[in-house]
Full PDB file with SEQRES, HELIX, SHEET, SSBOND, CRYST1, ORIGX, SCALE, CONECT and MASTER records, all heavy atoms in Angstrom:
SEQRES   1 A   39  LEU ASP SER ALA GLU GLN ALA ASP LEU VAL PHE VAL ASP          
SEQRES   2 A   39  LEU TYR THR ASP VAL GLY PRO ALA PRO ALA HIS LEU ALA          
SEQRES   3 A   39  TRP ARG PHE LEU GLU ARG CYS GLN ALA ARG LEU ALA GLU          
HELIX    1 AA1 PRO A   22  LEU A   25  5                                   4    
HELIX    2 AA2 TRP A   27  ALA A   35  1                                   9    
SHEET    1 AA1 2 TYR A  15  THR A  16  0                                        
SHEET    2 AA1 2 GLY A  19  PRO A  20 -1                                        
CRYST1    1.000    1.000    1.000  90.00  90.00  90.00 P 1           1          
ORIGX1      1.000000  0.000000  0.000000        0.00000                         
ORIGX2      0.000000  1.000000  0.000000        0.00000                         
ORIGX3      0.000000  0.000000  1.000000        0.00000                         
SCALE1      1.000000  0.000000  0.000000        0.00000                         
SCALE2      0.000000  1.000000  0.000000        0.00000                         
SCALE3      0.000000  0.000000  1.000000        0.00000                         
ATOM      1  N   LEU A   1     141.630 186.353  99.628  1.00  0.00           N  
ATOM      2  CA  LEU A   1     142.602 186.671 100.687  1.00  0.00           C  
ATOM      3  C   LEU A   1     142.771 185.528 101.623  1.00  0.00           C  
ATOM      4  O   LEU A   1     143.920 185.096 101.974  1.00  0.00           O  
ATOM      5  CB  LEU A   1     142.125 187.966 101.448  1.00  0.00           C  
ATOM      6  CG  LEU A   1     143.181 188.394 102.554  1.00  0.00           C  
ATOM      7  CD1 LEU A   1     144.527 188.624 102.081  1.00  0.00           C  
ATOM      8  CD2 LEU A   1     142.512 189.523 103.309  1.00  0.00           C  
ATOM      9  N   ASP A   2     141.671 184.970 102.174  1.00  0.00           N  
ATOM     10  CA  ASP A   2     141.714 183.958 103.146  1.00  0.00           C  
ATOM     11  C   ASP A   2     142.433 182.631 102.686  1.00  0.00           C  
ATOM     12  O   ASP A   2     142.836 181.830 103.501  1.00  0.00           O  
ATOM     13  CB  ASP A   2     140.418 183.687 103.766  1.00  0.00           C  
ATOM     14  CG  ASP A   2     139.900 184.825 104.498  1.00  0.00           C  
ATOM     15  OD1 ASP A   2     140.687 185.665 104.994  1.00  0.00           O  
ATOM     16  OD2 ASP A   2     138.623 184.899 104.681  1.00  0.00           O  
ATOM     17  N   SER A   3     142.426 182.499 101.339  1.00  0.00           N  
ATOM     18  CA  SER A   3     143.041 181.187 100.874  1.00  0.00           C  
ATOM     19  C   SER A   3     144.559 181.447 100.432  1.00  0.00           C  
ATOM     20  O   SER A   3     145.180 180.519 100.024  1.00  0.00           O  
ATOM     21  CB  SER A   3     142.348 180.753  99.577  1.00  0.00           C  
ATOM     22  OG  SER A   3     142.366 181.778  98.565  1.00  0.00           O  
ATOM     23  N   ALA A   4     145.053 182.682 100.703  1.00  0.00           N  
ATOM     24  CA  ALA A   4     146.411 182.955 100.405  1.00  0.00           C  
ATOM     25  C   ALA A   4     147.362 182.477 101.583  1.00  0.00           C  
ATOM     26  O   ALA A   4     146.792 182.435 102.691  1.00  0.00           O  
ATOM     27  CB  ALA A   4     146.623 184.417 100.270  1.00  0.00           C  
ATOM     28  N   GLU A   5     148.541 182.065 101.155  1.00  0.00           N  
ATOM     29  CA  GLU A   5     149.500 181.679 102.314  1.00  0.00           C  
ATOM     30  C   GLU A   5     149.885 182.867 103.166  1.00  0.00           C  
ATOM     31  O   GLU A   5     149.876 183.994 102.690  1.00  0.00           O  
ATOM     32  CB  GLU A   5     150.686 180.990 101.626  1.00  0.00           C  
ATOM     33  CG  GLU A   5     150.485 179.735 100.902  1.00  0.00           C  
ATOM     34  CD  GLU A   5     150.104 178.536 101.747  1.00  0.00           C  
ATOM     35  OE1 GLU A   5     150.536 178.602 102.918  1.00  0.00           O  
ATOM     36  OE2 GLU A   5     149.436 177.694 101.269  1.00  0.00           O  
ATOM     37  N   GLN A   6     150.142 182.571 104.363  1.00  0.00           N  
ATOM     38  CA  GLN A   6     150.676 183.623 105.262  1.00  0.00           C  
ATOM     39  C   GLN A   6     152.064 184.120 104.649  1.00  0.00           C  
ATOM     40  O   GLN A   6     152.802 183.391 104.066  1.00  0.00           O  
ATOM     41  CB  GLN A   6     150.890 183.180 106.682  1.00  0.00           C  
ATOM     42  CG  GLN A   6     149.538 183.118 107.419  1.00  0.00           C  
ATOM     43  CD  GLN A   6     149.821 183.130 108.945  1.00  0.00           C  
ATOM     44  OE1 GLN A   6     150.464 182.199 109.457  1.00  0.00           O  
ATOM     45  NE2 GLN A   6     149.189 184.007 109.648  1.00  0.00           N  
ATOM     46  N   ALA A   7     152.419 185.395 104.830  1.00  0.00           N  
ATOM     47  CA  ALA A   7     153.570 185.933 104.236  1.00  0.00           C  
ATOM     48  C   ALA A   7     154.302 186.882 105.139  1.00  0.00           C  
ATOM     49  O   ALA A   7     153.724 187.477 106.024  1.00  0.00           O  
ATOM     50  CB  ALA A   7     153.198 186.644 102.912  1.00  0.00           C  
ATOM     51  N   ASP A   8     155.579 187.008 104.921  1.00  0.00           N  
ATOM     52  CA  ASP A   8     156.361 187.998 105.685  1.00  0.00           C  
ATOM     53  C   ASP A   8     156.024 189.458 105.296  1.00  0.00           C  
ATOM     54  O   ASP A   8     156.145 190.343 106.128  1.00  0.00           O  
ATOM     55  CB  ASP A   8     157.896 187.823 105.362  1.00  0.00           C  
ATOM     56  CG  ASP A   8     158.388 186.410 105.828  1.00  0.00           C  
ATOM     57  OD1 ASP A   8     157.937 185.934 106.945  1.00  0.00           O  
ATOM     58  OD2 ASP A   8     159.172 185.765 105.118  1.00  0.00           O  
ATOM     59  N   LEU A   9     155.625 189.602 104.023  1.00  0.00           N  
ATOM     60  CA  LEU A   9     155.227 191.002 103.601  1.00  0.00           C  
ATOM     61  C   LEU A   9     153.841 190.866 102.858  1.00  0.00           C  
ATOM     62  O   LEU A   9     153.614 189.965 102.040  1.00  0.00           O  
ATOM     63  CB  LEU A   9     156.318 191.511 102.535  1.00  0.00           C  
ATOM     64  CG  LEU A   9     157.691 191.627 103.089  1.00  0.00           C  
ATOM     65  CD1 LEU A   9     158.687 192.006 101.884  1.00  0.00           C  
ATOM     66  CD2 LEU A   9     157.774 192.793 104.185  1.00  0.00           C  
ATOM     67  N   VAL A  10     152.944 191.761 103.148  1.00  0.00           N  
ATOM     68  CA  VAL A  10     151.698 191.873 102.482  1.00  0.00           C  
ATOM     69  C   VAL A  10     151.586 193.327 102.024  1.00  0.00           C  
ATOM     70  O   VAL A  10     151.660 194.315 102.742  1.00  0.00           O  
ATOM     71  CB  VAL A  10     150.511 191.476 103.392  1.00  0.00           C  
ATOM     72  CG1 VAL A  10     149.265 191.687 102.577  1.00  0.00           C  
ATOM     73  CG2 VAL A  10     150.561 190.030 103.822  1.00  0.00           C  
ATOM     74  N   PHE A  11     151.383 193.455 100.661  1.00  0.00           N  
ATOM     75  CA  PHE A  11     151.178 194.783 100.029  1.00  0.00           C  
ATOM     76  C   PHE A  11     149.818 194.911  99.579  1.00  0.00           C  
ATOM     77  O   PHE A  11     149.282 194.132  98.914  1.00  0.00           O  
ATOM     78  CB  PHE A  11     152.132 194.898  98.773  1.00  0.00           C  
ATOM     79  CG  PHE A  11     153.600 194.771  99.022  1.00  0.00           C  
ATOM     80  CD1 PHE A  11     154.212 193.543  99.086  1.00  0.00           C  
ATOM     81  CD2 PHE A  11     154.392 195.821  99.405  1.00  0.00           C  
ATOM     82  CE1 PHE A  11     155.589 193.406  99.322  1.00  0.00           C  
ATOM     83  CE2 PHE A  11     155.773 195.799  99.703  1.00  0.00           C  
ATOM     84  CZ  PHE A  11     156.310 194.525  99.631  1.00  0.00           C  
ATOM     85  N   VAL A  12     149.171 196.103  99.908  1.00  0.00           N  
ATOM     86  CA  VAL A  12     147.899 196.453  99.446  1.00  0.00           C  
ATOM     87  C   VAL A  12     148.013 197.681  98.624  1.00  0.00           C  
ATOM     88  O   VAL A  12     148.268 198.802  99.044  1.00  0.00           O  
ATOM     89  CB  VAL A  12     146.897 196.717 100.693  1.00  0.00           C  
ATOM     90  CG1 VAL A  12     145.507 197.101 100.164  1.00  0.00           C  
ATOM     91  CG2 VAL A  12     146.869 195.522 101.618  1.00  0.00           C  
ATOM     92  N   ASP A  13     147.547 197.511  97.244  1.00  0.00           N  
ATOM     93  CA  ASP A  13     147.630 198.576  96.325  1.00  0.00           C  
ATOM     94  C   ASP A  13     146.452 198.296  95.336  1.00  0.00           C  
ATOM     95  O   ASP A  13     146.765 197.924  94.142  1.00  0.00           O  
ATOM     96  CB  ASP A  13     148.988 198.533  95.633  1.00  0.00           C  
ATOM     97  CG  ASP A  13     149.150 199.827  94.780  1.00  0.00           C  
ATOM     98  OD1 ASP A  13     148.413 200.814  94.909  1.00  0.00           O  
ATOM     99  OD2 ASP A  13     150.238 199.830  94.045  1.00  0.00           O  
ATOM    100  N   LEU A  14     145.262 198.576  95.762  1.00  0.00           N  
ATOM    101  CA  LEU A  14     144.013 198.206  95.050  1.00  0.00           C  
ATOM    102  C   LEU A  14     143.378 199.497  94.604  1.00  0.00           C  
ATOM    103  O   LEU A  14     142.627 200.127  95.307  1.00  0.00           O  
ATOM    104  CB  LEU A  14     143.137 197.394  95.929  1.00  0.00           C  
ATOM    105  CG  LEU A  14     143.649 196.062  96.428  1.00  0.00           C  
ATOM    106  CD1 LEU A  14     142.823 195.482  97.523  1.00  0.00           C  
ATOM    107  CD2 LEU A  14     143.833 195.057  95.259  1.00  0.00           C  
ATOM    108  N   TYR A  15     143.639 199.843  93.370  1.00  0.00           N  
ATOM    109  CA  TYR A  15     143.102 201.180  92.795  1.00  0.00           C  
ATOM    110  C   TYR A  15     142.280 200.845  91.521  1.00  0.00           C  
ATOM    111  O   TYR A  15     142.653 199.928  90.734  1.00  0.00           O  
ATOM    112  CB  TYR A  15     144.030 202.135  92.532  1.00  0.00           C  
ATOM    113  CG  TYR A  15     144.636 202.783  93.808  1.00  0.00           C  
ATOM    114  CD1 TYR A  15     145.535 202.238  94.696  1.00  0.00           C  
ATOM    115  CD2 TYR A  15     144.069 204.013  94.240  1.00  0.00           C  
ATOM    116  CE1 TYR A  15     145.930 202.800  95.817  1.00  0.00           C  
ATOM    117  CE2 TYR A  15     144.437 204.710  95.427  1.00  0.00           C  
ATOM    118  CZ  TYR A  15     145.330 204.032  96.140  1.00  0.00           C  
ATOM    119  OH  TYR A  15     145.847 204.649  97.327  1.00  0.00           O  
ATOM    120  N   THR A  16     141.176 201.573  91.327  1.00  0.00           N  
ATOM    121  CA  THR A  16     140.436 201.569  90.087  1.00  0.00           C  
ATOM    122  C   THR A  16     140.622 202.896  89.343  1.00  0.00           C  
ATOM    123  O   THR A  16     141.463 203.701  89.784  1.00  0.00           O  
ATOM    124  CB  THR A  16     138.917 201.357  90.436  1.00  0.00           C  
ATOM    125  OG1 THR A  16     138.401 202.577  90.989  1.00  0.00           O  
ATOM    126  CG2 THR A  16     138.669 200.257  91.414  1.00  0.00           C  
ATOM    127  N   ASP A  17     139.882 203.080  88.289  1.00  0.00           N  
ATOM    128  CA  ASP A  17     139.980 204.368  87.560  1.00  0.00           C  
ATOM    129  C   ASP A  17     139.401 205.578  88.302  1.00  0.00           C  
ATOM    130  O   ASP A  17     139.569 206.719  87.808  1.00  0.00           O  
ATOM    131  CB  ASP A  17     139.448 204.210  86.157  1.00  0.00           C  
ATOM    132  CG  ASP A  17     137.994 203.768  86.182  1.00  0.00           C  
ATOM    133  OD1 ASP A  17     137.513 203.329  87.198  1.00  0.00           O  
ATOM    134  OD2 ASP A  17     137.354 203.883  85.131  1.00  0.00           O  
ATOM    135  N   VAL A  18     138.730 205.272  89.406  1.00  0.00           N  
ATOM    136  CA  VAL A  18     138.146 206.429  90.224  1.00  0.00           C  
ATOM    137  C   VAL A  18     138.749 206.612  91.527  1.00  0.00           C  
ATOM    138  O   VAL A  18     138.306 207.338  92.359  1.00  0.00           O  
ATOM    139  CB  VAL A  18     136.614 206.249  90.314  1.00  0.00           C  
ATOM    140  CG1 VAL A  18     136.001 206.353  88.902  1.00  0.00           C  
ATOM    141  CG2 VAL A  18     136.203 204.942  90.918  1.00  0.00           C  
ATOM    142  N   GLY A  19     139.820 205.782  91.847  1.00  0.00           N  
ATOM    143  CA  GLY A  19     140.494 205.966  93.165  1.00  0.00           C  
ATOM    144  C   GLY A  19     140.632 204.581  93.884  1.00  0.00           C  
ATOM    145  O   GLY A  19     140.519 203.522  93.212  1.00  0.00           O  
ATOM    146  N   PRO A  20     140.840 204.742  95.181  1.00  0.00           N  
ATOM    147  CA  PRO A  20     141.027 203.490  95.970  1.00  0.00           C  
ATOM    148  C   PRO A  20     139.867 202.597  95.955  1.00  0.00           C  
ATOM    149  O   PRO A  20     138.743 203.106  96.030  1.00  0.00           O  
ATOM    150  CB  PRO A  20     141.324 204.025  97.368  1.00  0.00           C  
ATOM    151  CG  PRO A  20     141.541 205.497  97.267  1.00  0.00           C  
ATOM    152  CD  PRO A  20     140.899 205.932  95.933  1.00  0.00           C  
ATOM    153  N   ALA A  21     140.033 201.293  95.866  1.00  0.00           N  
ATOM    154  CA  ALA A  21     138.942 200.391  96.008  1.00  0.00           C  
ATOM    155  C   ALA A  21     138.372 200.403  97.458  1.00  0.00           C  
ATOM    156  O   ALA A  21     139.053 200.819  98.332  1.00  0.00           O  
ATOM    157  CB  ALA A  21     139.445 198.912  95.729  1.00  0.00           C  
ATOM    158  N   PRO A  22     137.113 200.042  97.627  1.00  0.00           N  
ATOM    159  CA  PRO A  22     136.536 200.080  98.936  1.00  0.00           C  
ATOM    160  C   PRO A  22     137.292 199.422  99.982  1.00  0.00           C  
ATOM    161  O   PRO A  22     137.278 199.775 101.232  1.00  0.00           O  
ATOM    162  CB  PRO A  22     135.191 199.483  98.810  1.00  0.00           C  
ATOM    163  CG  PRO A  22     134.836 199.676  97.260  1.00  0.00           C  
ATOM    164  CD  PRO A  22     136.132 199.642  96.614  1.00  0.00           C  
ATOM    165  N   ALA A  23     138.086 198.337  99.633  1.00  0.00           N  
ATOM    166  CA  ALA A  23     138.858 197.561 100.486  1.00  0.00           C  
ATOM    167  C   ALA A  23     139.833 198.428 101.372  1.00  0.00           C  
ATOM    168  O   ALA A  23     140.196 198.130 102.452  1.00  0.00           O  
ATOM    169  CB  ALA A  23     139.606 196.392  99.857  1.00  0.00           C  
ATOM    170  N   HIS A  24     140.327 199.501 100.676  1.00  0.00           N  
ATOM    171  CA  HIS A  24     141.253 200.426 101.379  1.00  0.00           C  
ATOM    172  C   HIS A  24     140.744 201.025 102.674  1.00  0.00           C  
ATOM    173  O   HIS A  24     141.448 201.467 103.505  1.00  0.00           O  
ATOM    174  CB  HIS A  24     141.747 201.497 100.415  1.00  0.00           C  
ATOM    175  CG  HIS A  24     142.813 201.096  99.535  1.00  0.00           C  
ATOM    176  ND1 HIS A  24     144.119 201.462  99.767  1.00  0.00           N  
ATOM    177  CD2 HIS A  24     142.794 200.410  98.454  1.00  0.00           C  
ATOM    178  CE1 HIS A  24     144.905 200.986  98.831  1.00  0.00           C  
ATOM    179  NE2 HIS A  24     144.142 200.312  97.978  1.00  0.00           N  
ATOM    180  N   LEU A  25     139.411 201.037 102.825  1.00  0.00           N  
ATOM    181  CA  LEU A  25     138.794 201.728 103.932  1.00  0.00           C  
ATOM    182  C   LEU A  25     137.847 200.673 104.692  1.00  0.00           C  
ATOM    183  O   LEU A  25     136.964 201.095 105.441  1.00  0.00           O  
ATOM    184  CB  LEU A  25     138.023 202.954 103.559  1.00  0.00           C  
ATOM    185  CG  LEU A  25     138.895 204.161 103.154  1.00  0.00           C  
ATOM    186  CD1 LEU A  25     138.112 205.341 102.720  1.00  0.00           C  
ATOM    187  CD2 LEU A  25     139.833 204.575 104.361  1.00  0.00           C  
ATOM    188  N   ALA A  26     138.018 199.397 104.500  1.00  0.00           N  
ATOM    189  CA  ALA A  26     137.133 198.377 105.038  1.00  0.00           C  
ATOM    190  C   ALA A  26     137.941 197.767 106.233  1.00  0.00           C  
ATOM    191  O   ALA A  26     138.889 197.088 105.988  1.00  0.00           O  
ATOM    192  CB  ALA A  26     136.805 197.387 103.961  1.00  0.00           C  
ATOM    193  N   TRP A  27     137.387 198.056 107.420  1.00  0.00           N  
ATOM    194  CA  TRP A  27     137.934 197.582 108.631  1.00  0.00           C  
ATOM    195  C   TRP A  27     138.338 196.075 108.607  1.00  0.00           C  
ATOM    196  O   TRP A  27     139.477 195.632 108.867  1.00  0.00           O  
ATOM    197  CB  TRP A  27     137.038 197.964 109.821  1.00  0.00           C  
ATOM    198  CG  TRP A  27     137.565 197.469 111.195  1.00  0.00           C  
ATOM    199  CD1 TRP A  27     137.727 196.256 111.684  1.00  0.00           C  
ATOM    200  CD2 TRP A  27     137.982 198.413 112.231  1.00  0.00           C  
ATOM    201  NE1 TRP A  27     138.228 196.237 112.967  1.00  0.00           N  
ATOM    202  CE2 TRP A  27     138.379 197.638 113.366  1.00  0.00           C  
ATOM    203  CE3 TRP A  27     138.082 199.752 112.307  1.00  0.00           C  
ATOM    204  CZ2 TRP A  27     138.880 198.088 114.552  1.00  0.00           C  
ATOM    205  CZ3 TRP A  27     138.500 200.239 113.539  1.00  0.00           C  
ATOM    206  CH2 TRP A  27     138.877 199.503 114.662  1.00  0.00           C  
ATOM    207  N   ARG A  28     137.249 195.284 108.257  1.00  0.00           N  
ATOM    208  CA  ARG A  28     137.438 193.820 108.338  1.00  0.00           C  
ATOM    209  C   ARG A  28     138.512 193.384 107.297  1.00  0.00           C  
ATOM    210  O   ARG A  28     139.327 192.452 107.555  1.00  0.00           O  
ATOM    211  CB  ARG A  28     136.031 193.165 108.043  1.00  0.00           C  
ATOM    212  CG  ARG A  28     136.151 191.679 107.988  1.00  0.00           C  
ATOM    213  CD  ARG A  28     136.538 190.987 109.283  1.00  0.00           C  
ATOM    214  NE  ARG A  28     136.618 189.555 109.237  1.00  0.00           N  
ATOM    215  CZ  ARG A  28     137.596 188.821 109.816  1.00  0.00           C  
ATOM    216  NH1 ARG A  28     138.532 189.442 110.586  1.00  0.00           N  
ATOM    217  NH2 ARG A  28     137.604 187.588 109.756  1.00  0.00           N  
ATOM    218  N   PHE A  29     138.414 193.934 106.099  1.00  0.00           N  
ATOM    219  CA  PHE A  29     139.469 193.498 105.057  1.00  0.00           C  
ATOM    220  C   PHE A  29     140.877 193.757 105.552  1.00  0.00           C  
ATOM    221  O   PHE A  29     141.732 193.066 105.398  1.00  0.00           O  
ATOM    222  CB  PHE A  29     139.175 194.241 103.770  1.00  0.00           C  
ATOM    223  CG  PHE A  29     140.170 193.900 102.701  1.00  0.00           C  
ATOM    224  CD1 PHE A  29     140.074 192.621 101.999  1.00  0.00           C  
ATOM    225  CD2 PHE A  29     141.144 194.753 102.345  1.00  0.00           C  
ATOM    226  CE1 PHE A  29     141.083 192.392 100.983  1.00  0.00           C  
ATOM    227  CE2 PHE A  29     142.106 194.517 101.338  1.00  0.00           C  
ATOM    228  CZ  PHE A  29     142.047 193.290 100.688  1.00  0.00           C  
ATOM    229  N   LEU A  30     141.146 194.956 106.002  1.00  0.00           N  
ATOM    230  CA  LEU A  30     142.422 195.435 106.422  1.00  0.00           C  
ATOM    231  C   LEU A  30     142.913 194.566 107.611  1.00  0.00           C  
ATOM    232  O   LEU A  30     144.130 194.174 107.799  1.00  0.00           O  
ATOM    233  CB  LEU A  30     142.462 196.849 106.837  1.00  0.00           C  
ATOM    234  CG  LEU A  30     142.360 197.813 105.619  1.00  0.00           C  
ATOM    235  CD1 LEU A  30     142.257 199.270 106.068  1.00  0.00           C  
ATOM    236  CD2 LEU A  30     143.467 197.641 104.560  1.00  0.00           C  
ATOM    237  N   GLU A  31     142.020 194.197 108.557  1.00  0.00           N  
ATOM    238  CA  GLU A  31     142.164 193.345 109.644  1.00  0.00           C  
ATOM    239  C   GLU A  31     142.679 192.008 109.156  1.00  0.00           C  
ATOM    240  O   GLU A  31     143.573 191.403 109.614  1.00  0.00           O  
ATOM    241  CB  GLU A  31     140.975 193.223 110.485  1.00  0.00           C  
ATOM    242  CG  GLU A  31     141.123 192.520 111.774  1.00  0.00           C  
ATOM    243  CD  GLU A  31     139.884 192.597 112.600  1.00  0.00           C  
ATOM    244  OE1 GLU A  31     138.760 192.275 112.048  1.00  0.00           O  
ATOM    245  OE2 GLU A  31     139.791 192.989 113.727  1.00  0.00           O  
ATOM    246  N   ARG A  32     141.934 191.519 108.132  1.00  0.00           N  
ATOM    247  CA  ARG A  32     142.304 190.102 107.535  1.00  0.00           C  
ATOM    248  C   ARG A  32     143.651 190.251 106.824  1.00  0.00           C  
ATOM    249  O   ARG A  32     144.420 189.236 106.871  1.00  0.00           O  
ATOM    250  CB  ARG A  32     141.229 189.737 106.553  1.00  0.00           C  
ATOM    251  CG  ARG A  32     139.936 189.279 107.293  1.00  0.00           C  
ATOM    252  CD  ARG A  32     138.792 189.230 106.351  1.00  0.00           C  
ATOM    253  NE  ARG A  32     139.050 188.374 105.211  1.00  0.00           N  
ATOM    254  CZ  ARG A  32     138.616 188.669 103.972  1.00  0.00           C  
ATOM    255  NH1 ARG A  32     137.939 189.772 103.639  1.00  0.00           N  
ATOM    256  NH2 ARG A  32     138.845 187.796 102.960  1.00  0.00           N  
ATOM    257  N   CYS A  33     144.031 191.417 106.263  1.00  0.00           N  
ATOM    258  CA  CYS A  33     145.304 191.513 105.632  1.00  0.00           C  
ATOM    259  C   CYS A  33     146.455 191.336 106.730  1.00  0.00           C  
ATOM    260  O   CYS A  33     147.447 190.719 106.475  1.00  0.00           O  
ATOM    261  CB  CYS A  33     145.435 192.885 104.969  1.00  0.00           C  
ATOM    262  SG  CYS A  33     144.486 193.065 103.417  1.00  0.00           S  
ATOM    263  N   GLN A  34     146.256 192.049 107.845  1.00  0.00           N  
ATOM    264  CA  GLN A  34     147.183 191.943 108.866  1.00  0.00           C  
ATOM    265  C   GLN A  34     147.323 190.554 109.441  1.00  0.00           C  
ATOM    266  O   GLN A  34     148.456 190.014 109.746  1.00  0.00           O  
ATOM    267  CB  GLN A  34     146.930 192.933 110.013  1.00  0.00           C  
ATOM    268  CG  GLN A  34     147.971 193.101 111.058  1.00  0.00           C  
ATOM    269  CD  GLN A  34     147.592 194.017 112.175  1.00  0.00           C  
ATOM    270  OE1 GLN A  34     146.418 194.165 112.511  1.00  0.00           O  
ATOM    271  NE2 GLN A  34     148.549 194.762 112.639  1.00  0.00           N  
ATOM    272  N   ALA A  35     146.236 189.841 109.504  1.00  0.00           N  
ATOM    273  CA  ALA A  35     146.212 188.427 109.906  1.00  0.00           C  
ATOM    274  C   ALA A  35     146.905 187.489 109.002  1.00  0.00           C  
ATOM    275  O   ALA A  35     147.250 186.376 109.400  1.00  0.00           O  
ATOM    276  CB  ALA A  35     144.773 188.072 110.168  1.00  0.00           C  
ATOM    277  N   ARG A  36     147.118 187.859 107.678  1.00  0.00           N  
ATOM    278  CA  ARG A  36     147.874 187.024 106.841  1.00  0.00           C  
ATOM    279  C   ARG A  36     149.298 187.090 106.984  1.00  0.00           C  
ATOM    280  O   ARG A  36     150.074 186.315 106.382  1.00  0.00           O  
ATOM    281  CB  ARG A  36     147.554 187.563 105.345  1.00  0.00           C  
ATOM    282  CG  ARG A  36     146.254 187.195 104.763  1.00  0.00           C  
ATOM    283  CD  ARG A  36     146.070 185.698 104.503  1.00  0.00           C  
ATOM    284  NE  ARG A  36     145.507 185.019 105.650  1.00  0.00           N  
ATOM    285  CZ  ARG A  36     145.552 183.729 105.848  1.00  0.00           C  
ATOM    286  NH1 ARG A  36     146.143 182.928 105.024  1.00  0.00           N  
ATOM    287  NH2 ARG A  36     144.991 183.248 106.910  1.00  0.00           N  
ATOM    288  N   LEU A  37     149.810 188.022 107.864  1.00  0.00           N  
ATOM    289  CA  LEU A  37     151.260 188.069 108.064  1.00  0.00           C  
ATOM    290  C   LEU A  37     151.788 186.951 108.954  1.00  0.00           C  
ATOM    291  O   LEU A  37     151.194 186.573 109.934  1.00  0.00           O  
ATOM    292  CB  LEU A  37     151.561 189.403 108.812  1.00  0.00           C  
ATOM    293  CG  LEU A  37     151.237 190.671 108.036  1.00  0.00           C  
ATOM    294  CD1 LEU A  37     151.443 191.999 108.953  1.00  0.00           C  
ATOM    295  CD2 LEU A  37     152.322 190.811 106.857  1.00  0.00           C  
ATOM    296  N   ALA A  38     152.891 186.496 108.488  1.00  0.00           N  
ATOM    297  CA  ALA A  38     153.718 185.484 109.317  1.00  0.00           C  
ATOM    298  C   ALA A  38     154.264 186.315 110.532  1.00  0.00           C  
ATOM    299  O   ALA A  38     154.257 187.536 110.481  1.00  0.00           O  
ATOM    300  CB  ALA A  38     154.807 184.844 108.471  1.00  0.00           C  
ATOM    301  N   GLU A  39     154.764 185.541 111.444  1.00  0.00           N  
ATOM    302  CA  GLU A  39     155.364 186.174 112.698  1.00  0.00           C  
ATOM    303  C   GLU A  39     156.541 187.165 112.227  1.00  0.00           C  
ATOM    304  O   GLU A  39     157.385 186.809 111.396  1.00  0.00           O  
ATOM    305  CB  GLU A  39     155.980 185.167 113.578  1.00  0.00           C  
ATOM    306  CG  GLU A  39     156.515 185.683 114.884  1.00  0.00           C  
ATOM    307  CD  GLU A  39     156.935 184.630 115.774  1.00  0.00           C  
ATOM    308  OE1 GLU A  39     156.803 183.412 115.564  1.00  0.00           O  
ATOM    309  OE2 GLU A  39     157.560 184.953 116.912  1.00  0.00           O  
TER     310      GLU A  39                                                      
MASTER        0    0    0    2    2    0    0    6  309    1    0    3          
END                                                                             
């Protein structure tokens, strides 16, 4: 994630065969996703 370019849109859709990946409920990960957004 941290090596990705900033973007106007960031989509999170991370699922395994047993449901959402842990990232869907990880405070720091979701915070970093928001930080990847351009203005």
